[in-house]
Amino acid sequence: MRKIGNPYSNIPGYNCFGCSPRNEQGLQMDFYEEGEWIICPWKPKPQFHGYGNILHGGIQTTMLDEISAWVINVKLETAGLTANIDVKFKKALHTSEKPITIRAKLQEHSKKIATIYAELLNDKDEVCTVAEVKYYIFSQNVAREKLYYPGIKAFYS
């Protein structure tokens, strides 16, 4: 597995709920690349539980959306915005469990739309939640000018 750095953390005021390492209330997701997958090992925190210590569905959806954005950044070498997310909750994911895995990969893309498959796995590697995420993708020029995309080299040290 290859570690992906977070070049956005150098931007003044950067406080992304999903991936900022300095947002103490956030998810603080870290990412790795393994073949076609972008992977995030993550330990559930009690403040993110819903009913019965189950990881809140909104938090699960946020994680699936966030990792999909990193697929766009790394695999397509640009940036984009979520156009649609279709989430299916298949099995309860408890906040008391050991670290879980969030992973995503590019399914298909055209000039303007990318479709990402993303999933959450419990500590037994059972798929608990899946999503198909569609992203509106921008040209590299627009991504650099308007969305602070730093270029692919900035993600690897």
N, C-alpha and C. Protein backbone atom coordinates (compact mmCIF):
# COMPACT_ATOMS: atom_id res chain seq x y z
N MET A 1 0.84 -1.19 0.00
CA MET A 1 0.00 0.00 0.00
C MET A 1 0.88 1.24 0.00
N ARG A 2 0.47 2.20 -0.75
CA ARG A 2 1.21 3.46 -0.88
C ARG A 2 0.43 4.59 -0.21
N LYS A 3 1.07 5.28 0.71
CA LYS A 3 0.44 6.39 1.44
C LYS A 3 0.20 7.56 0.49
N ILE A 4 -0.98 8.17 0.62
CA ILE A 4 -1.31 9.37 -0.13
C ILE A 4 -1.27 10.53 0.86
N GLY A 5 -0.47 11.53 0.57
CA GLY A 5 -0.40 12.70 1.43
C GLY A 5 -1.59 13.62 1.21
N ASN A 6 -1.79 14.53 2.14
CA ASN A 6 -2.90 15.48 2.02
C ASN A 6 -2.34 16.88 1.76
N PRO A 7 -2.17 17.23 0.49
CA PRO A 7 -1.60 18.54 0.17
C PRO A 7 -2.52 19.71 0.49
N TYR A 8 -3.79 19.43 0.71
CA TYR A 8 -4.74 20.50 1.04
C TYR A 8 -4.53 21.04 2.45
N SER A 9 -3.89 20.26 3.31
CA SER A 9 -3.71 20.69 4.70
C SER A 9 -2.83 21.93 4.82
N ASN A 10 -2.15 22.33 3.74
CA ASN A 10 -1.33 23.54 3.74
C ASN A 10 -2.11 24.80 3.36
N ILE A 11 -3.36 24.63 2.97
CA ILE A 11 -4.18 25.77 2.55
C ILE A 11 -4.71 26.49 3.80
N PRO A 12 -4.50 27.79 3.92
CA PRO A 12 -5.03 28.52 5.09
C PRO A 12 -6.55 28.36 5.21
N GLY A 13 -7.01 28.04 6.41
CA GLY A 13 -8.43 27.88 6.66
C GLY A 13 -8.99 26.52 6.30
N TYR A 14 -8.15 25.63 5.81
CA TYR A 14 -8.59 24.28 5.43
C TYR A 14 -9.07 23.54 6.67
N ASN A 15 -10.33 23.09 6.65
CA ASN A 15 -10.91 22.43 7.81
C ASN A 15 -11.91 21.37 7.38
N CYS A 16 -11.62 20.65 6.32
CA CYS A 16 -12.55 19.66 5.77
C CYS A 16 -13.00 18.68 6.85
N PHE A 17 -14.30 18.47 6.96
CA PHE A 17 -14.85 17.54 7.95
C PHE A 17 -14.36 16.12 7.68
N GLY A 18 -14.18 15.77 6.42
CA GLY A 18 -13.78 14.41 6.07
C GLY A 18 -12.31 14.12 6.25
N CYS A 19 -11.44 15.02 5.75
CA CYS A 19 -10.02 14.65 5.66
C CYS A 19 -9.03 15.59 6.34
N SER A 20 -9.48 16.67 6.94
CA SER A 20 -8.51 17.55 7.59
C SER A 20 -7.95 16.88 8.85
N PRO A 21 -6.63 16.76 8.93
CA PRO A 21 -6.04 16.15 10.13
C PRO A 21 -6.16 17.04 11.36
N ARG A 22 -6.49 18.31 11.16
CA ARG A 22 -6.59 19.25 12.28
C ARG A 22 -8.02 19.53 12.73
N ASN A 23 -8.99 18.98 12.07
CA ASN A 23 -10.38 19.19 12.47
C ASN A 23 -10.71 18.15 13.55
N GLU A 24 -10.66 18.57 14.80
CA GLU A 24 -10.85 17.65 15.92
C GLU A 24 -12.26 17.06 15.96
N GLN A 25 -13.25 17.74 15.41
CA GLN A 25 -14.61 17.20 15.36
C GLN A 25 -14.85 16.38 14.10
N GLY A 26 -13.89 16.38 13.20
CA GLY A 26 -14.06 15.71 11.91
C GLY A 26 -13.65 14.25 11.92
N LEU A 27 -13.69 13.65 10.75
CA LEU A 27 -13.39 12.24 10.58
C LEU A 27 -11.90 11.95 10.50
N GLN A 28 -11.10 12.93 10.10
CA GLN A 28 -9.64 12.81 10.00
C GLN A 28 -9.22 11.57 9.21
N MET A 29 -9.79 11.41 8.03
CA MET A 29 -9.51 10.26 7.19
C MET A 29 -8.13 10.38 6.54
N ASP A 30 -7.39 9.28 6.51
CA ASP A 30 -6.11 9.14 5.82
C ASP A 30 -6.30 8.16 4.67
N PHE A 31 -5.53 8.35 3.60
CA PHE A 31 -5.76 7.53 2.42
C PHE A 31 -4.49 6.83 1.93
N TYR A 32 -4.72 5.67 1.32
CA TYR A 32 -3.66 4.85 0.75
C TYR A 32 -4.13 4.37 -0.61
N GLU A 33 -3.16 4.06 -1.47
CA GLU A 33 -3.47 3.54 -2.78
C GLU A 33 -2.97 2.11 -2.86
N GLU A 34 -3.84 1.22 -3.32
CA GLU A 34 -3.45 -0.17 -3.52
C GLU A 34 -4.10 -0.66 -4.81
N GLY A 35 -3.31 -0.71 -5.87
CA GLY A 35 -3.86 -1.08 -7.17
C GLY A 35 -4.91 -0.09 -7.61
N GLU A 36 -6.08 -0.58 -7.97
CA GLU A 36 -7.16 0.30 -8.42
C GLU A 36 -7.92 0.96 -7.27
N TRP A 37 -7.66 0.54 -6.04
CA TRP A 37 -8.41 1.01 -4.87
C TRP A 37 -7.73 2.19 -4.17
N ILE A 38 -8.54 3.09 -3.64
CA ILE A 38 -8.12 4.06 -2.63
C ILE A 38 -8.72 3.53 -1.33
N ILE A 39 -7.90 3.44 -0.29
CA ILE A 39 -8.29 2.77 0.95
C ILE A 39 -8.08 3.70 2.13
N CYS A 40 -8.99 3.60 3.10
CA CYS A 40 -8.87 4.36 4.34
C CYS A 40 -9.19 3.45 5.51
N PRO A 41 -8.18 3.06 6.31
CA PRO A 41 -8.50 2.37 7.56
C PRO A 41 -8.95 3.42 8.57
N TRP A 42 -9.99 3.13 9.34
CA TRP A 42 -10.55 4.15 10.22
C TRP A 42 -11.16 3.51 11.46
N LYS A 43 -10.87 4.09 12.61
CA LYS A 43 -11.42 3.60 13.88
C LYS A 43 -12.67 4.40 14.22
N PRO A 44 -13.83 3.74 14.33
CA PRO A 44 -15.05 4.46 14.70
C PRO A 44 -14.91 5.15 16.05
N LYS A 45 -15.44 6.36 16.13
CA LYS A 45 -15.40 7.13 17.37
C LYS A 45 -16.82 7.22 17.92
N PRO A 46 -16.97 7.14 19.24
CA PRO A 46 -18.31 7.13 19.84
C PRO A 46 -19.18 8.33 19.45
N GLN A 47 -18.58 9.49 19.20
CA GLN A 47 -19.38 10.67 18.87
C GLN A 47 -20.07 10.56 17.51
N PHE A 48 -19.73 9.53 16.74
CA PHE A 48 -20.33 9.37 15.43
C PHE A 48 -21.40 8.27 15.40
N HIS A 49 -21.80 7.79 16.57
CA HIS A 49 -22.79 6.71 16.55
C HIS A 49 -24.21 7.26 16.45
N GLY A 50 -25.07 6.43 15.94
CA GLY A 50 -26.50 6.70 15.90
C GLY A 50 -27.15 5.81 16.94
N TYR A 51 -28.29 5.31 16.64
CA TYR A 51 -29.03 4.44 17.55
C TYR A 51 -28.25 3.15 17.84
N GLY A 52 -28.17 2.78 19.10
CA GLY A 52 -27.57 1.50 19.49
C GLY A 52 -26.11 1.34 19.14
N ASN A 53 -25.35 2.41 19.19
CA ASN A 53 -23.91 2.39 18.87
C ASN A 53 -23.61 1.93 17.44
N ILE A 54 -24.56 2.13 16.57
CA ILE A 54 -24.34 1.86 15.14
C ILE A 54 -23.81 3.14 14.51
N LEU A 55 -22.79 3.01 13.69
CA LEU A 55 -22.22 4.17 13.01
C LEU A 55 -23.31 4.87 12.22
N HIS A 56 -23.51 6.14 12.49
CA HIS A 56 -24.59 6.93 11.90
C HIS A 56 -24.54 6.86 10.38
N GLY A 57 -25.70 6.69 9.77
CA GLY A 57 -25.79 6.58 8.32
C GLY A 57 -25.27 7.81 7.59
N GLY A 58 -25.47 8.99 8.18
CA GLY A 58 -24.95 10.21 7.56
C GLY A 58 -23.43 10.25 7.58
N ILE A 59 -22.84 9.74 8.64
CA ILE A 59 -21.37 9.66 8.73
C ILE A 59 -20.86 8.64 7.70
N GLN A 60 -21.53 7.51 7.59
CA GLN A 60 -21.13 6.52 6.60
C GLN A 60 -21.19 7.11 5.19
N THR A 61 -22.25 7.83 4.91
CA THR A 61 -22.41 8.45 3.59
C THR A 61 -21.32 9.48 3.34
N THR A 62 -21.00 10.26 4.36
CA THR A 62 -19.93 11.26 4.24
C THR A 62 -18.60 10.59 3.93
N MET A 63 -18.29 9.49 4.60
CA MET A 63 -17.02 8.79 4.35
C MET A 63 -16.96 8.23 2.94
N LEU A 64 -18.07 7.71 2.45
CA LEU A 64 -18.10 7.17 1.09
C LEU A 64 -17.94 8.29 0.06
N ASP A 65 -18.54 9.43 0.33
CA ASP A 65 -18.39 10.58 -0.56
C ASP A 65 -16.95 11.10 -0.52
N GLU A 66 -16.39 11.21 0.66
CA GLU A 66 -15.02 11.74 0.81
C GLU A 66 -13.99 10.88 0.09
N ILE A 67 -14.05 9.58 0.29
CA ILE A 67 -13.06 8.71 -0.35
C ILE A 67 -13.24 8.73 -1.87
N SER A 68 -14.46 8.94 -2.33
CA SER A 68 -14.71 9.04 -3.78
C SER A 68 -14.03 10.28 -4.36
N ALA A 69 -14.04 11.37 -3.60
CA ALA A 69 -13.34 12.58 -4.05
C ALA A 69 -11.85 12.31 -4.21
N TRP A 70 -11.29 11.50 -3.32
CA TRP A 70 -9.87 11.18 -3.42
C TRP A 70 -9.57 10.26 -4.60
N VAL A 71 -10.52 9.45 -5.00
CA VAL A 71 -10.37 8.66 -6.23
C VAL A 71 -10.23 9.63 -7.41
N ILE A 72 -11.07 10.65 -7.44
CA ILE A 72 -10.99 11.65 -8.52
C ILE A 72 -9.63 12.35 -8.49
N ASN A 73 -9.19 12.77 -7.30
CA ASN A 73 -7.91 13.48 -7.16
C ASN A 73 -6.73 12.63 -7.65
N VAL A 74 -6.71 11.37 -7.26
CA VAL A 74 -5.54 10.53 -7.52
C VAL A 74 -5.64 9.75 -8.83
N LYS A 75 -6.76 9.14 -9.09
CA LYS A 75 -6.87 8.28 -10.27
C LYS A 75 -7.15 9.07 -11.56
N LEU A 76 -7.90 10.18 -11.44
CA LEU A 76 -8.17 10.99 -12.63
C LEU A 76 -7.33 12.26 -12.66
N GLU A 77 -6.58 12.49 -11.60
CA GLU A 77 -5.66 13.63 -11.52
C GLU A 77 -6.36 14.97 -11.76
N THR A 78 -7.49 15.13 -11.10
CA THR A 78 -8.24 16.37 -11.17
C THR A 78 -9.12 16.47 -9.94
N ALA A 79 -10.09 17.36 -9.96
CA ALA A 79 -11.04 17.52 -8.86
C ALA A 79 -12.45 17.55 -9.42
N GLY A 80 -13.41 17.38 -8.54
CA GLY A 80 -14.79 17.39 -8.97
C GLY A 80 -15.73 17.68 -7.81
N LEU A 81 -17.01 17.63 -8.11
CA LEU A 81 -18.05 17.85 -7.11
C LEU A 81 -19.07 16.72 -7.21
N THR A 82 -19.59 16.31 -6.07
CA THR A 82 -20.58 15.24 -6.04
C THR A 82 -21.82 15.65 -6.83
N ALA A 83 -22.23 14.80 -7.75
CA ALA A 83 -23.45 15.01 -8.51
C ALA A 83 -24.58 14.16 -7.94
N ASN A 84 -24.25 12.95 -7.49
CA ASN A 84 -25.26 12.03 -6.95
C ASN A 84 -24.55 10.96 -6.12
N ILE A 85 -25.22 10.53 -5.07
CA ILE A 85 -24.70 9.41 -4.29
C ILE A 85 -25.87 8.51 -3.93
N ASP A 86 -25.72 7.22 -4.26
CA ASP A 86 -26.75 6.22 -3.98
C ASP A 86 -26.14 5.22 -3.00
N VAL A 87 -26.62 5.27 -1.76
CA VAL A 87 -26.05 4.45 -0.68
C VAL A 87 -27.01 3.32 -0.33
N LYS A 88 -26.44 2.14 -0.10
CA LYS A 88 -27.23 0.98 0.35
C LYS A 88 -26.58 0.45 1.63
N PHE A 89 -27.37 0.45 2.70
CA PHE A 89 -26.91 -0.06 3.99
C PHE A 89 -27.30 -1.54 4.07
N LYS A 90 -26.30 -2.41 4.11
CA LYS A 90 -26.54 -3.84 4.04
C LYS A 90 -26.45 -4.53 5.40
N LYS A 91 -25.61 -3.99 6.28
CA LYS A 91 -25.37 -4.62 7.58
C LYS A 91 -24.96 -3.53 8.56
N ALA A 92 -25.42 -3.65 9.82
CA ALA A 92 -25.07 -2.65 10.84
C ALA A 92 -23.56 -2.59 11.04
N LEU A 93 -23.07 -1.37 11.21
CA LEU A 93 -21.64 -1.13 11.44
C LEU A 93 -21.53 -0.44 12.79
N HIS A 94 -21.00 -1.15 13.78
CA HIS A 94 -20.99 -0.66 15.16
C HIS A 94 -19.77 0.22 15.46
N THR A 95 -19.99 1.25 16.28
CA THR A 95 -18.90 2.15 16.66
C THR A 95 -17.95 1.50 17.65
N SER A 96 -18.35 0.40 18.26
CA SER A 96 -17.48 -0.27 19.23
C SER A 96 -16.52 -1.26 18.57
N GLU A 97 -16.64 -1.42 17.27
CA GLU A 97 -15.80 -2.38 16.56
C GLU A 97 -14.38 -1.87 16.40
N LYS A 98 -13.51 -2.78 16.06
CA LYS A 98 -12.12 -2.45 15.74
C LYS A 98 -12.12 -1.61 14.47
N PRO A 99 -10.94 -1.19 14.03
CA PRO A 99 -10.90 -0.37 12.81
C PRO A 99 -11.65 -1.01 11.64
N ILE A 100 -12.31 -0.14 10.89
CA ILE A 100 -13.03 -0.56 9.69
C ILE A 100 -12.23 -0.10 8.47
N THR A 101 -12.69 -0.49 7.30
CA THR A 101 -12.03 -0.08 6.06
C THR A 101 -13.05 0.58 5.15
N ILE A 102 -12.68 1.73 4.64
CA ILE A 102 -13.45 2.40 3.60
C ILE A 102 -12.60 2.30 2.35
N ARG A 103 -13.19 1.90 1.24
CA ARG A 103 -12.41 1.82 0.01
C ARG A 103 -13.29 2.16 -1.18
N ALA A 104 -12.62 2.62 -2.24
CA ALA A 104 -13.35 3.05 -3.43
C ALA A 104 -12.47 2.89 -4.67
N LYS A 105 -13.14 2.72 -5.80
CA LYS A 105 -12.42 2.63 -7.08
C LYS A 105 -13.28 3.22 -8.18
N LEU A 106 -12.60 3.64 -9.21
CA LEU A 106 -13.26 4.20 -10.39
C LEU A 106 -13.96 3.09 -11.16
N GLN A 107 -15.24 3.30 -11.46
CA GLN A 107 -15.97 2.33 -12.28
C GLN A 107 -15.92 2.72 -13.75
N GLU A 108 -16.24 4.00 -14.01
CA GLU A 108 -16.22 4.49 -15.39
C GLU A 108 -16.18 6.00 -15.37
N HIS A 109 -15.78 6.58 -16.49
CA HIS A 109 -15.82 8.04 -16.58
C HIS A 109 -15.88 8.48 -18.03
N SER A 110 -16.48 9.64 -18.18
CA SER A 110 -16.53 10.32 -19.47
C SER A 110 -15.79 11.63 -19.27
N LYS A 111 -15.95 12.53 -20.18
CA LYS A 111 -15.26 13.82 -20.07
C LYS A 111 -15.72 14.60 -18.84
N LYS A 112 -16.99 14.49 -18.46
CA LYS A 112 -17.52 15.32 -17.38
C LYS A 112 -18.04 14.56 -16.17
N ILE A 113 -18.31 13.26 -16.29
CA ILE A 113 -18.88 12.50 -15.18
C ILE A 113 -18.03 11.26 -14.89
N ALA A 114 -17.75 11.05 -13.60
CA ALA A 114 -17.06 9.83 -13.16
C ALA A 114 -17.98 9.09 -12.21
N THR A 115 -17.99 7.77 -12.34
CA THR A 115 -18.77 6.93 -11.43
C THR A 115 -17.80 6.13 -10.59
N ILE A 116 -17.99 6.24 -9.28
CA ILE A 116 -17.12 5.59 -8.30
C ILE A 116 -17.93 4.53 -7.55
N TYR A 117 -17.32 3.37 -7.33
CA TYR A 117 -17.89 2.36 -6.44
C TYR A 117 -17.16 2.49 -5.11
N ALA A 118 -17.91 2.62 -4.01
CA ALA A 118 -17.29 2.76 -2.69
C ALA A 118 -17.99 1.82 -1.71
N GLU A 119 -17.23 1.36 -0.71
CA GLU A 119 -17.81 0.46 0.28
C GLU A 119 -17.16 0.62 1.64
N LEU A 120 -17.93 0.25 2.67
CA LEU A 120 -17.45 0.20 4.05
C LEU A 120 -17.43 -1.25 4.48
N LEU A 121 -16.30 -1.67 5.06
CA LEU A 121 -16.17 -3.05 5.53
C LEU A 121 -15.92 -3.04 7.04
N ASN A 122 -16.52 -3.97 7.76
CA ASN A 122 -16.26 -4.06 9.19
C ASN A 122 -14.91 -4.73 9.44
N ASP A 123 -14.58 -4.96 10.70
CA ASP A 123 -13.27 -5.52 11.03
C ASP A 123 -13.12 -6.98 10.59
N LYS A 124 -14.19 -7.60 10.16
CA LYS A 124 -14.13 -8.97 9.63
C LYS A 124 -14.12 -8.97 8.10
N ASP A 125 -13.93 -7.79 7.50
CA ASP A 125 -13.93 -7.60 6.05
C ASP A 125 -15.27 -7.95 5.40
N GLU A 126 -16.36 -7.80 6.16
CA GLU A 126 -17.69 -7.98 5.60
C GLU A 126 -18.18 -6.63 5.09
N VAL A 127 -18.73 -6.62 3.88
CA VAL A 127 -19.25 -5.38 3.31
C VAL A 127 -20.54 -5.01 4.04
N CYS A 128 -20.54 -3.81 4.63
CA CYS A 128 -21.71 -3.34 5.39
C CYS A 128 -22.49 -2.28 4.64
N THR A 129 -21.82 -1.44 3.88
CA THR A 129 -22.46 -0.34 3.17
C THR A 129 -21.77 -0.16 1.83
N VAL A 130 -22.55 0.08 0.79
CA VAL A 130 -21.99 0.32 -0.54
C VAL A 130 -22.61 1.58 -1.13
N ALA A 131 -21.89 2.18 -2.04
CA ALA A 131 -22.41 3.39 -2.71
C ALA A 131 -21.92 3.45 -4.14
N GLU A 132 -22.78 4.01 -4.98
CA GLU A 132 -22.37 4.42 -6.31
C GLU A 132 -22.40 5.95 -6.26
N VAL A 133 -21.24 6.53 -6.50
CA VAL A 133 -21.10 7.98 -6.38
C VAL A 133 -20.76 8.54 -7.75
N LYS A 134 -21.55 9.50 -8.20
CA LYS A 134 -21.28 10.16 -9.47
C LYS A 134 -20.70 11.54 -9.16
N TYR A 135 -19.59 11.83 -9.80
CA TYR A 135 -18.91 13.11 -9.64
C TYR A 135 -18.89 13.85 -10.95
N TYR A 136 -19.19 15.14 -10.88
CA TYR A 136 -18.97 16.03 -12.01
C TYR A 136 -17.49 16.38 -11.95
N ILE A 137 -16.74 16.06 -12.99
CA ILE A 137 -15.30 16.30 -12.96
C ILE A 137 -14.93 17.51 -13.83
N PHE A 138 -13.89 18.19 -13.37
CA PHE A 138 -13.43 19.40 -14.04
C PHE A 138 -12.13 19.14 -14.77
N SER A 139 -11.85 19.96 -15.76
CA SER A 139 -10.54 19.90 -16.42
C SER A 139 -9.48 20.22 -15.37
N GLN A 140 -8.25 19.82 -15.61
CA GLN A 140 -7.18 20.13 -14.67
C GLN A 140 -7.01 21.63 -14.49
N ASN A 141 -7.16 22.38 -15.55
CA ASN A 141 -7.02 23.84 -15.44
C ASN A 141 -8.06 24.43 -14.50
N VAL A 142 -9.31 24.05 -14.67
CA VAL A 142 -10.38 24.55 -13.80
C VAL A 142 -10.17 24.04 -12.37
N ALA A 143 -9.77 22.77 -12.23
CA ALA A 143 -9.53 22.20 -10.90
C ALA A 143 -8.43 22.97 -10.17
N ARG A 144 -7.39 23.34 -10.88
CA ARG A 144 -6.29 24.11 -10.26
C ARG A 144 -6.74 25.53 -9.89
N GLU A 145 -7.45 26.17 -10.80
CA GLU A 145 -7.84 27.57 -10.59
C GLU A 145 -8.94 27.75 -9.54
N LYS A 146 -9.92 26.86 -9.53
CA LYS A 146 -11.10 27.08 -8.68
C LYS A 146 -11.23 26.13 -7.50
N LEU A 147 -10.59 24.97 -7.56
CA LEU A 147 -10.76 23.97 -6.51
C LEU A 147 -9.45 23.61 -5.81
N TYR A 148 -8.43 24.42 -6.02
CA TYR A 148 -7.13 24.26 -5.34
C TYR A 148 -6.44 22.93 -5.64
N TYR A 149 -6.77 22.29 -6.75
CA TYR A 149 -6.12 21.03 -7.07
C TYR A 149 -4.63 21.29 -7.29
N PRO A 150 -3.75 20.61 -6.51
CA PRO A 150 -2.32 20.91 -6.56
C PRO A 150 -1.51 20.13 -7.59
N GLY A 151 -2.15 19.21 -8.31
CA GLY A 151 -1.41 18.33 -9.22
C GLY A 151 -1.09 17.02 -8.52
N ILE A 152 -0.96 15.96 -9.29
CA ILE A 152 -0.81 14.61 -8.73
C ILE A 152 0.46 14.45 -7.88
N LYS A 153 1.54 15.10 -8.26
CA LYS A 153 2.80 14.93 -7.52
C LYS A 153 2.68 15.38 -6.06
N ALA A 154 1.80 16.32 -5.79
CA ALA A 154 1.63 16.83 -4.41
C ALA A 154 1.05 15.80 -3.46
N PHE A 155 0.45 14.72 -3.98
CA PHE A 155 -0.16 13.70 -3.13
C PHE A 155 0.85 12.65 -2.66
N TYR A 156 2.03 12.67 -3.23
CA TYR A 156 3.05 11.66 -2.88
C TYR A 156 4.33 12.36 -2.44
N SER A 157 4.86 11.92 -1.31
CA SER A 157 6.10 12.54 -0.83
C SER A 157 7.33 11.80 -1.29
